[in-house]
Amino acid sequence: MTHEKMIMAVITTNPKKVPSGLAVFHCDSGEELTVIAENLEAILDGIAHRLTDELYVIVRH
């Protein structure tokens, strides 16, 4: 089974902006947000997209 064209994870410093039902990682700072996004990008073999200063999504294309 392959997973293509899907959101794999969301990383945020503002949990109010993320819907439930996704793999969500809550961070305390912008620095932590960036580190977690970069690590998850590599672990999940996806692409990290910065949508706002407080929100990244990891997507597989």
N, C-alpha and C. Protein backbone atom coordinates (compact mmCIF):
# COMPACT_ATOMS: atom_id res chain seq x y z
N MET A 1 0.84 -1.18 0.00
CA MET A 1 0.00 0.00 0.00
C MET A 1 0.89 1.24 0.00
N THR A 2 0.63 2.15 -0.92
CA THR A 2 1.39 3.39 -0.95
C THR A 2 0.46 4.55 -0.61
N HIS A 3 1.05 5.56 0.01
CA HIS A 3 0.31 6.76 0.34
C HIS A 3 0.84 7.89 -0.51
N GLU A 4 0.03 8.40 -1.38
CA GLU A 4 0.43 9.49 -2.25
C GLU A 4 -0.57 10.62 -2.14
N LYS A 5 -0.08 11.85 -2.32
CA LYS A 5 -0.92 13.03 -2.32
C LYS A 5 -1.77 13.13 -1.07
N MET A 6 -1.11 13.19 0.06
CA MET A 6 -1.84 13.28 1.32
C MET A 6 -1.06 14.11 2.34
N ILE A 7 -1.79 14.71 3.27
CA ILE A 7 -1.17 15.40 4.40
C ILE A 7 -0.82 14.33 5.42
N MET A 8 0.45 14.26 5.78
CA MET A 8 0.92 13.23 6.69
C MET A 8 0.98 13.71 8.13
N ALA A 9 1.24 15.01 8.32
CA ALA A 9 1.34 15.56 9.67
C ALA A 9 1.19 17.08 9.61
N VAL A 10 0.81 17.65 10.74
CA VAL A 10 0.72 19.09 10.90
C VAL A 10 1.53 19.46 12.13
N ILE A 11 2.32 20.52 12.02
CA ILE A 11 3.13 21.00 13.14
C ILE A 11 2.73 22.44 13.37
N THR A 12 2.42 22.79 14.63
CA THR A 12 1.92 24.13 14.90
C THR A 12 2.30 24.64 16.29
N THR A 13 2.31 25.95 16.42
CA THR A 13 2.43 26.58 17.74
C THR A 13 1.07 27.11 18.18
N ASN A 14 0.04 26.93 17.33
CA ASN A 14 -1.31 27.39 17.64
C ASN A 14 -2.31 26.28 17.34
N PRO A 15 -2.57 25.41 18.32
CA PRO A 15 -3.43 24.24 18.08
C PRO A 15 -4.87 24.60 17.70
N LYS A 16 -5.30 25.82 17.95
CA LYS A 16 -6.66 26.22 17.61
C LYS A 16 -6.90 26.28 16.10
N LYS A 17 -5.82 26.34 15.32
CA LYS A 17 -5.94 26.47 13.87
C LYS A 17 -5.87 25.14 13.13
N VAL A 18 -5.83 24.04 13.86
CA VAL A 18 -5.67 22.73 13.22
C VAL A 18 -6.89 21.87 13.52
N PRO A 19 -7.51 21.29 12.49
CA PRO A 19 -8.66 20.41 12.73
C PRO A 19 -8.22 19.09 13.37
N SER A 20 -9.14 18.46 14.03
CA SER A 20 -8.84 17.15 14.61
C SER A 20 -8.84 16.10 13.50
N GLY A 21 -8.33 14.94 13.82
CA GLY A 21 -8.30 13.86 12.84
C GLY A 21 -7.00 13.77 12.07
N LEU A 22 -6.06 14.65 12.37
CA LEU A 22 -4.75 14.62 11.73
C LEU A 22 -3.69 14.33 12.77
N ALA A 23 -2.51 13.90 12.32
CA ALA A 23 -1.37 13.76 13.22
C ALA A 23 -0.83 15.16 13.46
N VAL A 24 -1.04 15.69 14.68
CA VAL A 24 -0.69 17.07 14.99
C VAL A 24 0.41 17.09 16.05
N PHE A 25 1.43 17.90 15.80
CA PHE A 25 2.53 18.08 16.74
C PHE A 25 2.49 19.52 17.21
N HIS A 26 2.35 19.72 18.53
CA HIS A 26 2.27 21.05 19.13
C HIS A 26 3.65 21.48 19.61
N CYS A 27 4.07 22.68 19.25
CA CYS A 27 5.38 23.19 19.63
C CYS A 27 5.22 24.47 20.46
N ASP A 28 6.22 24.74 21.27
CA ASP A 28 6.18 25.92 22.14
C ASP A 28 6.80 27.15 21.52
N SER A 29 7.59 26.98 20.47
CA SER A 29 8.28 28.13 19.87
C SER A 29 8.45 27.93 18.37
N GLY A 30 8.77 29.01 17.69
CA GLY A 30 9.04 28.94 16.26
C GLY A 30 10.26 28.10 15.95
N GLU A 31 11.26 28.17 16.82
CA GLU A 31 12.47 27.37 16.62
C GLU A 31 12.16 25.88 16.71
N GLU A 32 11.41 25.49 17.73
CA GLU A 32 11.02 24.10 17.89
C GLU A 32 10.16 23.65 16.70
N LEU A 33 9.29 24.52 16.23
CA LEU A 33 8.43 24.24 15.08
C LEU A 33 9.26 23.86 13.86
N THR A 34 10.30 24.64 13.59
CA THR A 34 11.17 24.39 12.44
C THR A 34 11.94 23.08 12.59
N VAL A 35 12.46 22.82 13.77
CA VAL A 35 13.23 21.58 14.00
C VAL A 35 12.34 20.35 13.82
N ILE A 36 11.16 20.39 14.42
CA ILE A 36 10.25 19.25 14.30
C ILE A 36 9.83 19.04 12.85
N ALA A 37 9.53 20.12 12.14
CA ALA A 37 9.13 20.00 10.73
C ALA A 37 10.24 19.39 9.89
N GLU A 38 11.46 19.84 10.10
CA GLU A 38 12.59 19.29 9.34
C GLU A 38 12.80 17.81 9.64
N ASN A 39 12.69 17.43 10.90
CA ASN A 39 12.87 16.03 11.27
C ASN A 39 11.75 15.15 10.72
N LEU A 40 10.51 15.60 10.83
CA LEU A 40 9.39 14.81 10.32
C LEU A 40 9.43 14.69 8.80
N GLU A 41 9.91 15.72 8.14
CA GLU A 41 10.07 15.69 6.69
C GLU A 41 10.96 14.51 6.30
N ALA A 42 12.06 14.35 7.00
CA ALA A 42 12.99 13.25 6.70
C ALA A 42 12.43 11.90 7.12
N ILE A 43 11.84 11.84 8.31
CA ILE A 43 11.32 10.57 8.83
C ILE A 43 10.18 10.04 7.97
N LEU A 44 9.27 10.93 7.57
CA LEU A 44 8.07 10.51 6.83
C LEU A 44 8.28 10.49 5.32
N ASP A 45 9.47 10.89 4.89
CA ASP A 45 9.78 10.94 3.46
C ASP A 45 8.76 11.79 2.71
N GLY A 46 8.50 12.97 3.30
CA GLY A 46 7.56 13.91 2.70
C GLY A 46 8.23 15.26 2.49
N ILE A 47 7.42 16.26 2.19
CA ILE A 47 7.90 17.62 1.98
C ILE A 47 7.23 18.52 3.01
N ALA A 48 8.03 19.32 3.73
CA ALA A 48 7.49 20.27 4.70
C ALA A 48 7.14 21.56 3.98
N HIS A 49 5.93 22.03 4.18
CA HIS A 49 5.47 23.29 3.60
C HIS A 49 5.09 24.23 4.75
N ARG A 50 5.71 25.41 4.75
CA ARG A 50 5.39 26.41 5.77
C ARG A 50 4.21 27.23 5.26
N LEU A 51 3.08 27.11 5.93
CA LEU A 51 1.88 27.84 5.51
C LEU A 51 1.80 29.21 6.17
N THR A 52 2.19 29.28 7.43
CA THR A 52 2.25 30.55 8.17
C THR A 52 3.42 30.46 9.13
N ASP A 53 3.64 31.51 9.90
CA ASP A 53 4.71 31.50 10.90
C ASP A 53 4.46 30.46 11.99
N GLU A 54 3.23 30.01 12.12
CA GLU A 54 2.92 29.07 13.19
C GLU A 54 2.36 27.73 12.69
N LEU A 55 2.51 27.45 11.40
CA LEU A 55 1.91 26.23 10.87
C LEU A 55 2.71 25.66 9.70
N TYR A 56 3.09 24.39 9.83
CA TYR A 56 3.72 23.61 8.75
C TYR A 56 2.84 22.40 8.49
N VAL A 57 2.86 21.91 7.27
CA VAL A 57 2.25 20.62 6.95
C VAL A 57 3.31 19.76 6.26
N ILE A 58 3.28 18.48 6.53
CA ILE A 58 4.14 17.53 5.85
C ILE A 58 3.26 16.79 4.86
N VAL A 59 3.63 16.88 3.58
CA VAL A 59 2.82 16.34 2.50
C VAL A 59 3.64 15.37 1.69
N ARG A 60 3.00 14.32 1.24
CA ARG A 60 3.63 13.44 0.25
C ARG A 60 2.94 13.71 -1.08
N HIS A 61 3.74 14.03 -2.08
CA HIS A 61 3.21 14.36 -3.41
C HIS A 61 3.23 13.14 -4.29
